[in-house]
Amino acid sequence: MTAQQATLKLYVLDTNVLIHDPSAILKFQEHQVVIPMIVLEELDKLKMGKQSIAADCREAIRQIDRIIGDATPVEIAKGVPILRDNEEVQGTLSILLDSFKETSPILPTNLNDNKIINSLVKLQQNHPKRDVILITKDINMRLKAKGCGISAQDYQNDQLLSDIDLLEQGFHALKGSFWQEQHQVETFHDATGTYHKVLKEVLPENVHINHFIIDEQEFVGRITTINDETVTLIDLPKELLMQQQAWGLKPQNIIQALALNLLLDPNIHLVSLTGQAGSGKTILALAAAIEMTVANKQFKRIIATRSTRGLDEDIGYLPGTEAEKMEPWLGAITDNLEALHSDDENAPSSVDYILQKVPLQFKSLNYIRGRSFQQSLILIDECQNLTPHQIKTIITRAGAGSKVICLGNLSQIDTPYLSPISTGLTYLVERFKDFEHGGTITLQGSPRSILAEYAENHL
């Protein structure tokens, strides 16, 4: 073995990594990627069906097949060169057999995770001068591997933050007055409003397009352009923001008003709303969606969907049409429709009327893949349960004239292999924070009720 080969690491990928990101094989640069045979068997078992996990498995299998091609067993064991999209060859891919059978396994062989770890122990013995690293989203598997002397890491290629507290919130609240720090201001007006061009150095760090600046003296501005030395903000009077209405709904606080401003802006094509339970994410999004679809005729239809753990497996067994199958999972939508019409003389009749007249369609995430939605408002709830790969798959379905609204609560993740910093919602917010047609807001508090807010903060 040459000195250069000794420095190349052996990254062994678990099944959940390839489901999380089917292109993970390409993310380890010049190093050798190893796929255990057991992982291929698990992918094979999971590839059937219309579930999103099945589609990810099939894509991962196709990726492996594209690299392996017509390679011989000897070449596969040694490592097949990985050809990149730019025609550059970097890194190798190999398949690992169950070599632990030649010796006594360290762990019982009744579990696939144990079989993989046993194989890695043997692999490390065969390559004592090389680093063998297990990459898995399974925390317990990482612990077991470390207990057996194998280095193990989480898959972090698509994790853009080291701490969830660093996540872009969409606004910055200044103490005192915004104007007291401004020494050079250029104010101008046009048909769209009043603008202020200020020095970038006097603003908080890491401001982005469509980021809001608010202060304690009721100044509100939204950043429209950022240059090397200056930043331009559109002046948004707080009184007018608080008077905004969407299908009769008014914001209850200034942060909700900022969210509604993004939701109703026809030039904003992607809005991400995060926040705790009861902060108003769904009702604001739904009210804005109906306003833009029914009153303004900006969109032809509303596509409502959500990510729910168990949905992929359970929906096929529910009776009825796709819409009828989805209805139990989208109760938050109908609940908020009822809330929007709670003051009507006959609220149930109003909701039924809206469901009949509003072009509101409930769609399973499984049926969104491969489709293109034109002139549609796509409302995606529970985005915190999506992987970065899944969020990309959905966002790219938005066709001409469409708008996407993503909602989620990062403290209520139901998927075992996701965390607040690895979820697709966090990935989306960070990737789009400089997109001139996108915006995000982290809603504060829980206007739903005093009880809901206390429960969110104390349970």
Protein backbone atom coordinates (compact mmCIF):
# COMPACT_ATOMS: atom_id res chain seq x y z
CA MET A 1 0.00 0.00 0.00
CA THR A 2 1.35 3.39 -0.98
CA ALA A 3 1.54 6.31 1.45
CA GLN A 4 -1.16 8.08 -0.54
CA GLN A 5 -3.51 5.09 -0.29
CA ALA A 6 -2.94 4.92 3.46
CA THR A 7 -4.22 8.48 3.87
CA LEU A 8 -7.47 7.69 2.02
CA LYS A 9 -10.28 6.90 4.44
CA LEU A 10 -12.82 4.09 4.14
CA TYR A 11 -16.30 5.55 4.63
CA VAL A 12 -18.90 2.82 5.17
CA LEU A 13 -22.47 4.01 4.53
CA ASP A 14 -25.50 2.69 6.40
CA THR A 15 -28.89 2.26 4.70
CA ASN A 16 -30.45 5.28 6.39
CA VAL A 17 -27.76 7.55 4.93
CA LEU A 18 -28.62 6.52 1.36
CA ILE A 19 -32.34 7.01 2.09
CA HIS A 20 -31.62 10.42 3.63
CA ASP A 21 -29.51 11.42 0.60
CA PRO A 22 -29.39 9.00 -2.37
CA SER A 23 -26.41 10.94 -3.77
CA ALA A 24 -24.39 10.57 -0.54
CA ILE A 25 -21.92 8.31 -2.37
CA LEU A 26 -20.65 11.38 -4.23
CA LYS A 27 -20.01 13.46 -1.12
CA PHE A 28 -16.74 11.96 0.17
CA GLN A 29 -14.31 13.54 -2.30
CA GLU A 30 -11.16 11.47 -2.94
CA HIS A 31 -11.86 8.83 -0.29
CA GLN A 32 -13.19 5.30 -0.71
CA VAL A 33 -16.91 4.74 -0.14
CA VAL A 34 -17.94 1.27 1.00
CA ILE A 35 -21.46 -0.18 0.74
CA PRO A 36 -22.02 -3.34 2.81
CA MET A 37 -23.90 -6.11 1.00
CA ILE A 38 -26.49 -6.02 3.80
CA VAL A 39 -27.25 -2.40 2.91
CA LEU A 40 -27.95 -3.41 -0.70
CA GLU A 41 -30.30 -6.11 0.58
CA GLU A 42 -32.16 -3.60 2.77
CA LEU A 43 -32.46 -1.16 -0.14
CA ASP A 44 -33.82 -4.00 -2.26
CA LYS A 45 -36.52 -4.80 0.32
CA LEU A 46 -37.55 -1.15 0.65
CA LYS A 47 -37.50 -0.18 -3.05
CA MET A 48 -40.98 -1.46 -3.89
CA GLY A 49 -44.08 0.70 -3.60
CA LYS A 50 -44.98 4.35 -4.08
CA GLN A 51 -43.77 5.57 -0.71
CA SER A 52 -41.22 8.39 -0.70
CA ILE A 53 -38.75 6.08 1.05
CA ALA A 54 -39.10 3.57 -1.82
CA ALA A 55 -38.34 6.24 -4.40
CA ASP A 56 -35.22 7.28 -2.46
CA CYS A 57 -34.09 3.63 -2.32
CA ARG A 58 -34.54 3.23 -6.07
CA GLU A 59 -32.58 6.39 -6.73
CA ALA A 60 -29.74 5.22 -4.47
CA ILE A 61 -29.64 1.85 -6.26
CA ARG A 62 -29.49 3.57 -9.64
CA GLN A 63 -26.64 5.75 -8.38
CA ILE A 64 -24.67 2.67 -7.29
CA ASP A 65 -25.39 0.87 -10.56
CA ARG A 66 -24.22 3.89 -12.59
CA ILE A 67 -20.86 3.84 -10.83
CA ILE A 68 -20.32 0.07 -10.73
CA GLY A 69 -21.36 -0.49 -14.36
CA ASP A 70 -19.58 -3.52 -15.85
CA ALA A 71 -16.83 -3.72 -13.24
CA THR A 72 -15.55 -7.18 -12.34
CA PRO A 73 -15.83 -8.60 -8.80
CA VAL A 74 -12.11 -7.98 -8.30
CA GLU A 75 -12.46 -4.35 -9.41
CA ILE A 76 -15.51 -3.88 -7.15
CA ALA A 77 -13.63 -5.26 -4.15
CA LYS A 78 -10.67 -3.01 -4.89
CA GLY A 79 -12.84 0.07 -5.54
CA VAL A 80 -14.45 1.34 -8.73
CA PRO A 81 -13.45 4.93 -9.65
CA ILE A 82 -16.34 7.40 -9.24
CA LEU A 83 -16.96 9.48 -12.36
CA ARG A 84 -18.34 12.90 -11.45
CA ASP A 85 -20.78 15.00 -13.45
CA ASN A 86 -17.90 17.16 -14.69
CA GLU A 87 -16.22 14.03 -16.13
CA GLU A 88 -13.65 14.12 -13.34
CA VAL A 89 -12.75 10.87 -11.58
CA GLN A 90 -12.54 11.29 -7.81
CA GLY A 91 -12.84 8.65 -5.09
CA THR A 92 -13.82 5.00 -5.38
CA LEU A 93 -16.81 2.81 -4.52
CA SER A 94 -16.65 -0.77 -3.30
CA ILE A 95 -19.08 -3.34 -1.93
CA LEU A 96 -18.29 -5.12 1.34
CA LEU A 97 -19.13 -8.80 1.79
CA ASP A 98 -19.93 -10.44 5.15
CA SER A 99 -16.30 -11.30 5.83
CA PHE A 100 -16.85 -11.68 9.60
CA LYS A 101 -18.01 -15.27 8.98
CA GLU A 102 -14.36 -16.34 8.87
CA THR A 103 -13.91 -15.41 12.52
CA SER A 104 -15.99 -15.25 15.65
CA PRO A 105 -18.24 -12.16 15.44
CA ILE A 106 -18.04 -9.60 18.22
CA LEU A 107 -21.80 -8.90 18.25
CA PRO A 108 -24.72 -11.33 17.88
CA THR A 109 -25.65 -11.74 14.21
CA ASN A 110 -29.43 -11.55 14.68
CA LEU A 111 -29.54 -7.87 13.64
CA ASN A 112 -28.39 -6.31 10.39
CA ASP A 113 -26.73 -3.45 12.28
CA ASN A 114 -24.64 -5.98 14.21
CA LYS A 115 -23.68 -7.77 11.01
CA ILE A 116 -22.44 -4.52 9.50
CA ILE A 117 -20.41 -3.67 12.61
CA ASN A 118 -18.89 -7.18 12.67
CA SER A 119 -17.88 -6.74 9.03
CA LEU A 120 -16.28 -3.39 9.84
CA VAL A 121 -14.23 -4.91 12.66
CA LYS A 122 -12.84 -7.41 10.14
CA LEU A 123 -12.34 -4.64 7.56
CA GLN A 124 -10.34 -2.60 10.07
CA GLN A 125 -8.19 -5.65 10.85
CA ASN A 126 -7.48 -6.09 7.14
CA HIS A 127 -6.58 -2.39 6.74
CA PRO A 128 -4.86 -1.43 10.00
CA LYS A 129 -3.20 1.64 8.48
CA ARG A 130 -6.42 3.16 7.11
CA ASP A 131 -9.24 4.93 8.93
CA VAL A 132 -12.48 2.93 8.72
CA ILE A 133 -15.44 5.20 9.52
CA LEU A 134 -19.08 4.16 9.77
CA ILE A 135 -21.50 6.84 8.54
CA THR A 136 -25.01 6.37 9.93
CA LYS A 137 -27.98 8.46 11.06
CA ASP A 138 -28.70 5.87 13.77
CA ILE A 139 -27.33 7.14 17.10
CA ASN A 140 -27.53 3.73 18.78
CA MET A 141 -25.63 2.08 15.93
CA ARG A 142 -22.91 4.71 16.25
CA LEU A 143 -22.64 3.92 19.97
CA LYS A 144 -22.38 0.18 19.33
CA ALA A 145 -19.74 0.72 16.64
CA LYS A 146 -17.65 2.90 18.95
CA GLY A 147 -17.97 0.25 21.64
CA CYS A 148 -16.42 -2.23 19.19
CA GLY A 149 -13.55 0.09 18.38
CA ILE A 150 -14.95 1.43 15.10
CA SER A 151 -15.08 5.16 14.42
CA ALA A 152 -18.65 6.30 13.68
CA GLN A 153 -20.10 9.62 12.55
CA ASP A 154 -23.40 11.17 11.59
CA TYR A 155 -23.92 12.13 7.95
CA GLN A 156 -23.39 15.89 8.03
CA ASN A 157 -22.83 16.83 4.40
CA ASP A 158 -26.18 18.63 4.20
CA GLN A 159 -26.04 20.12 7.70
CA LEU A 160 -25.42 23.84 7.24
CA LEU A 161 -25.52 24.81 10.92
CA SER A 162 -23.62 23.70 13.99
CA ASP A 163 -26.26 25.10 16.34
CA ILE A 164 -29.99 25.51 15.66
CA ASP A 165 -29.89 28.86 17.51
CA LEU A 166 -27.96 30.19 14.49
CA LEU A 167 -30.90 29.52 12.15
CA GLU A 168 -32.06 32.54 10.17
CA GLN A 169 -35.22 33.96 11.84
CA GLY A 170 -36.11 36.43 9.11
CA PHE A 171 -36.03 39.56 11.28
CA HIS A 172 -33.82 41.41 13.71
CA ALA A 173 -35.28 43.36 16.63
CA LEU A 174 -33.20 46.37 17.60
CA LYS A 175 -33.26 47.94 21.04
CA GLY A 176 -34.10 51.62 21.10
CA SER A 177 -34.41 53.45 17.77
CA PHE A 178 -33.21 52.30 14.37
CA TRP A 179 -32.46 55.91 13.42
CA GLN A 180 -30.13 56.67 16.31
CA GLU A 181 -27.38 54.57 14.71
CA GLN A 182 -27.84 55.97 11.20
CA HIS A 183 -25.35 58.66 10.22
CA GLN A 184 -25.76 58.47 6.46
CA VAL A 185 -29.23 57.91 5.00
CA GLU A 186 -30.55 58.40 1.49
CA THR A 187 -34.36 58.36 1.30
CA PHE A 188 -36.28 58.16 -1.95
CA HIS A 189 -39.81 57.36 -3.12
CA ASP A 190 -41.39 55.60 -6.06
CA ALA A 191 -44.73 54.01 -6.91
CA THR A 192 -44.00 51.00 -4.68
CA GLY A 193 -43.18 52.94 -1.50
CA THR A 194 -40.54 54.79 0.52
CA TYR A 195 -37.00 53.44 0.63
CA HIS A 196 -33.98 54.14 2.83
CA LYS A 197 -30.42 53.43 1.73
CA VAL A 198 -28.16 53.07 4.78
CA LEU A 199 -24.60 51.94 5.47
CA LYS A 200 -24.29 48.16 5.77
CA GLU A 201 -21.79 48.43 8.63
CA VAL A 202 -24.36 49.90 11.05
CA LEU A 203 -26.82 47.03 10.57
CA PRO A 204 -26.65 43.70 12.41
CA GLU A 205 -24.35 41.08 10.89
CA ASN A 206 -25.65 38.45 8.48
CA VAL A 207 -28.66 40.34 7.16
CA HIS A 208 -30.21 38.99 3.98
CA ILE A 209 -32.65 39.92 1.23
CA ASN A 210 -36.24 40.18 2.58
CA HIS A 211 -34.90 40.24 6.14
CA PHE A 212 -36.90 42.62 8.38
CA ILE A 213 -35.46 45.23 10.73
CA ILE A 214 -37.74 46.36 13.57
CA ASP A 215 -37.10 48.56 16.59
CA GLU A 216 -38.81 49.62 19.82
CA GLN A 217 -40.00 52.89 18.22
CA GLU A 218 -42.26 51.06 15.73
CA PHE A 219 -39.92 51.33 12.74
CA VAL A 220 -40.24 48.38 10.38
CA GLY A 221 -38.18 47.95 7.23
CA ARG A 222 -37.65 45.06 4.82
CA ILE A 223 -34.32 44.72 3.04
CA THR A 224 -34.70 44.86 -0.73
CA THR A 225 -31.09 45.10 -1.93
CA ILE A 226 -27.67 44.50 -0.40
CA ASN A 227 -24.45 45.89 -1.85
CA ASP A 228 -20.86 45.83 -0.60
CA GLU A 229 -21.28 48.99 1.46
CA THR A 230 -25.00 49.85 1.54
CA VAL A 231 -28.35 48.23 2.24
CA THR A 232 -31.71 49.46 0.94
CA LEU A 233 -34.89 48.92 2.98
CA ILE A 234 -38.50 49.58 2.10
CA ASP A 235 -40.28 51.46 4.89
CA LEU A 236 -43.28 49.48 6.18
CA PRO A 237 -45.32 51.50 8.70
CA LYS A 238 -46.25 49.29 11.62
CA GLU A 239 -49.82 50.60 11.72
CA LEU A 240 -50.43 49.53 8.12
CA LEU A 241 -48.82 46.14 8.70
CA MET A 242 -51.11 45.47 11.65
CA GLN A 243 -54.13 46.41 9.53
CA GLN A 244 -53.36 43.82 6.86
CA GLN A 245 -56.10 41.29 6.30
CA ALA A 246 -56.16 37.90 4.64
CA TRP A 247 -59.63 36.38 4.34
CA GLY A 248 -60.71 38.46 7.33
CA LEU A 249 -57.74 37.43 9.45
CA LYS A 250 -55.60 40.15 11.03
CA PRO A 251 -52.17 39.61 12.61
CA GLN A 252 -52.11 39.47 16.40
CA ASN A 253 -48.55 40.74 16.77
CA ILE A 254 -45.86 42.39 14.68
CA ILE A 255 -44.09 39.09 13.87
CA GLN A 256 -47.30 37.66 12.44
CA ALA A 257 -47.65 40.90 10.46
CA LEU A 258 -44.18 40.35 8.97
CA ALA A 259 -45.16 36.82 8.00
CA LEU A 260 -48.38 38.03 6.38
CA ASN A 261 -46.43 40.65 4.45
CA LEU A 262 -44.29 37.90 2.88
CA LEU A 263 -47.25 35.59 2.31
CA LEU A 264 -49.27 38.20 0.40
CA ASP A 265 -46.37 39.59 -1.65
CA PRO A 266 -46.78 38.39 -5.27
CA ASN A 267 -43.03 38.75 -5.82
CA ILE A 268 -42.19 36.25 -3.07
CA HIS A 269 -42.33 32.70 -4.44
CA LEU A 270 -41.16 30.79 -1.36
CA VAL A 271 -42.11 31.45 2.26
CA SER A 272 -40.91 29.39 5.22
CA LEU A 273 -42.70 29.79 8.54
CA THR A 274 -41.26 28.14 11.63
CA GLY A 275 -42.38 28.44 15.22
CA GLN A 276 -43.83 26.59 18.16
CA ALA A 277 -47.24 24.98 18.27
CA GLY A 278 -50.03 27.55 18.19
CA SER A 279 -47.89 30.41 16.90
CA GLY A 280 -50.19 30.86 13.90
CA LYS A 281 -48.23 29.23 11.07
CA THR A 282 -51.07 27.25 9.50
CA ILE A 283 -53.90 29.75 9.96
CA LEU A 284 -51.82 32.61 8.52
CA ALA A 285 -50.75 30.51 5.54
CA LEU A 286 -54.26 29.20 4.89
CA ALA A 287 -55.88 32.64 5.14
CA ALA A 288 -53.30 34.09 2.77
CA ALA A 289 -53.75 31.15 0.38
CA ILE A 290 -57.53 31.63 0.18
CA GLU A 291 -57.15 35.39 -0.18
CA MET A 292 -54.70 35.05 -3.08
CA THR A 293 -56.66 32.26 -4.77
CA VAL A 294 -60.29 33.31 -4.31
CA ALA A 295 -60.17 37.09 -3.88
CA ASN A 296 -57.12 38.06 -5.96
CA LYS A 297 -57.22 35.19 -8.49
CA GLN A 298 -53.42 35.04 -8.29
CA PHE A 299 -53.44 31.24 -8.25
CA LYS A 300 -55.75 28.69 -9.80
CA ARG A 301 -55.67 26.21 -6.92
CA ILE A 302 -54.28 25.41 -3.49
CA ILE A 303 -52.34 22.17 -3.10
CA ALA A 304 -52.25 21.16 0.58
CA THR A 305 -50.00 18.38 1.79
CA ARG A 306 -47.95 17.47 4.80
CA SER A 307 -45.25 15.12 6.00
CA THR A 308 -46.51 12.75 8.66
CA ARG A 309 -44.64 9.78 10.02
CA GLY A 310 -46.58 6.66 9.00
CA LEU A 311 -48.40 8.44 6.19
CA ASP A 312 -46.50 6.64 3.44
CA GLU A 313 -47.41 3.26 4.85
CA ASP A 314 -50.92 3.97 6.10
CA ILE A 315 -52.55 5.93 3.31
CA GLY A 316 -52.76 2.98 0.93
CA TYR A 317 -54.92 1.07 3.37
CA LEU A 318 -57.42 3.87 3.92
CA PRO A 319 -60.66 3.70 1.93
CA GLY A 320 -61.77 6.26 -0.64
CA THR A 321 -60.12 8.64 -3.07
CA GLU A 322 -56.74 10.28 -2.56
CA ALA A 323 -58.43 13.41 -1.16
CA GLU A 324 -60.54 11.32 1.23
CA LYS A 325 -57.46 9.38 2.34
CA MET A 326 -55.56 12.58 2.98
CA GLU A 327 -58.30 14.35 4.91
CA PRO A 328 -57.57 12.74 8.32
CA TRP A 329 -53.91 13.76 7.98
CA LEU A 330 -54.79 17.33 7.03
CA GLY A 331 -57.12 18.02 9.93
CA ALA A 332 -55.03 21.10 10.75
CA ILE A 333 -56.20 22.66 7.49
CA THR A 334 -59.91 22.07 8.12
CA ASP A 335 -59.52 23.03 11.79
CA ASN A 336 -58.09 26.38 10.73
CA LEU A 337 -60.82 26.83 8.13
CA GLU A 338 -63.31 26.51 10.97
CA ALA A 339 -61.33 29.05 13.00
CA LEU A 340 -61.40 31.53 10.11
CA HIS A 341 -65.20 31.29 10.01
CA SER A 342 -65.88 30.88 13.73
CA ASP A 343 -67.75 34.20 13.84
CA ASP A 344 -70.09 33.31 10.98
CA GLU A 345 -73.74 32.75 11.81
CA ASN A 346 -73.45 29.14 10.65
CA ALA A 347 -69.78 28.21 10.78
CA PRO A 348 -70.12 24.56 9.57
CA SER A 349 -72.06 25.72 6.50
CA SER A 350 -69.41 28.36 5.79
CA VAL A 351 -66.64 25.77 5.92
CA ASP A 352 -68.56 23.40 3.64
CA TYR A 353 -69.16 26.26 1.23
CA ILE A 354 -65.47 27.19 1.22
CA LEU A 355 -64.43 23.57 0.61
CA GLN A 356 -66.83 23.46 -2.34
CA LYS A 357 -65.87 26.82 -3.85
CA VAL A 358 -62.16 27.11 -3.05
CA PRO A 359 -60.00 24.99 -5.39
CA LEU A 360 -58.37 23.29 -2.40
CA GLN A 361 -56.82 19.90 -3.17
CA PHE A 362 -55.35 17.52 -0.60
CA LYS A 363 -52.35 15.64 -2.02
CA SER A 364 -50.11 12.94 -0.62
CA LEU A 365 -46.39 13.66 -0.89
CA ASN A 366 -46.15 10.34 -2.74
CA TYR A 367 -48.20 11.72 -5.64
CA ILE A 368 -46.27 14.99 -5.90
CA ARG A 369 -43.07 13.38 -7.18
CA GLY A 370 -42.69 13.73 -10.92
CA ARG A 371 -45.48 16.29 -11.28
CA SER A 372 -45.35 19.98 -12.12
CA PHE A 373 -47.91 22.36 -10.60
CA GLN A 374 -48.57 25.53 -12.61
CA GLN A 375 -50.28 28.64 -11.17
CA SER A 376 -50.66 26.82 -7.85
CA LEU A 377 -50.12 27.71 -4.23
CA ILE A 378 -48.42 24.69 -2.64
CA LEU A 379 -48.91 24.53 1.12
CA ILE A 380 -46.62 22.01 2.87
CA ASP A 381 -47.21 21.41 6.57
CA GLU A 382 -44.93 19.54 9.04
CA CYS A 383 -41.82 20.20 6.93
CA GLN A 384 -39.59 19.44 9.92
CA ASN A 385 -40.12 15.73 9.14
CA LEU A 386 -38.66 16.00 5.63
CA THR A 387 -35.05 15.29 4.69
CA PRO A 388 -33.10 17.85 2.62
CA HIS A 389 -33.42 15.52 -0.39
CA GLN A 390 -37.19 15.25 0.06
CA ILE A 391 -37.63 19.01 0.43
CA LYS A 392 -35.71 19.52 -2.81
CA THR A 393 -37.92 16.97 -4.57
CA ILE A 394 -41.05 18.85 -3.52
CA ILE A 395 -39.86 22.43 -4.10
CA THR A 396 -38.77 21.57 -7.64
CA ARG A 397 -42.38 20.60 -8.44
CA ALA A 398 -43.39 24.27 -8.42
CA GLY A 399 -44.07 25.35 -12.00
CA ALA A 400 -44.55 28.76 -13.58
CA GLY A 401 -46.59 31.21 -11.52
CA SER A 402 -46.60 29.01 -8.40
CA LYS A 403 -45.80 29.82 -4.79
CA VAL A 404 -44.63 27.42 -2.07
CA ILE A 405 -45.32 27.88 1.65
CA CYS A 406 -43.41 25.60 4.03
CA LEU A 407 -44.51 25.28 7.65
CA GLY A 408 -42.88 23.46 10.53
CA ASN A 409 -42.04 23.25 14.21
CA LEU A 410 -38.43 22.20 14.81
CA SER A 411 -39.25 21.08 18.34
CA GLN A 412 -41.71 18.44 17.10
CA ILE A 413 -39.67 16.17 14.82
CA ASP A 414 -41.20 12.69 14.54
CA THR A 415 -38.63 11.07 12.22
CA PRO A 416 -36.00 9.03 14.13
CA TYR A 417 -33.02 9.96 11.93
CA LEU A 418 -33.61 13.72 11.83
CA SER A 419 -32.66 16.47 14.26
CA PRO A 420 -33.33 20.23 14.22
CA ILE A 421 -30.04 20.89 12.42
CA SER A 422 -30.39 18.05 9.87
CA THR A 423 -34.04 18.40 8.90
CA GLY A 424 -35.02 19.57 5.43
CA LEU A 425 -36.77 22.64 6.85
CA THR A 426 -33.55 23.96 8.37
CA TYR A 427 -31.71 23.12 5.15
CA LEU A 428 -34.30 25.02 3.13
CA VAL A 429 -34.21 28.14 5.30
CA GLU A 430 -30.41 28.32 5.14
CA ARG A 431 -30.13 27.59 1.42
CA PHE A 432 -32.75 30.20 0.45
CA LYS A 433 -31.82 33.01 2.83
CA ASP A 434 -30.20 34.93 -0.04
CA PHE A 435 -32.94 34.16 -2.59
CA GLU A 436 -34.43 37.49 -3.70
CA HIS A 437 -37.88 35.90 -4.19
CA GLY A 438 -37.93 34.04 -0.87
CA GLY A 439 -38.38 34.87 2.78
CA THR A 440 -38.63 33.25 6.19
CA ILE A 441 -40.09 34.16 9.56
CA THR A 442 -39.80 32.43 12.92
CA LEU A 443 -43.09 33.18 14.67
CA GLN A 444 -42.99 33.96 18.38
CA GLY A 445 -45.20 32.85 21.26
CA SER A 446 -48.39 30.83 21.08
CA PRO A 447 -51.47 32.97 20.46
CA ARG A 448 -53.52 29.75 20.29
CA SER A 449 -54.03 29.90 24.06
CA ILE A 450 -52.29 30.59 27.36
CA LEU A 451 -52.41 26.85 28.04
CA ALA A 452 -50.75 25.94 24.71
CA GLU A 453 -47.95 28.45 25.24
CA TYR A 454 -47.27 27.24 28.77
CA ALA A 455 -47.28 23.60 27.63
CA GLU A 456 -44.87 24.36 24.77
CA ASN A 457 -42.41 26.03 27.13
CA HIS A 458 -42.70 23.76 30.17
CA LEU A 459 -43.51 20.22 29.05
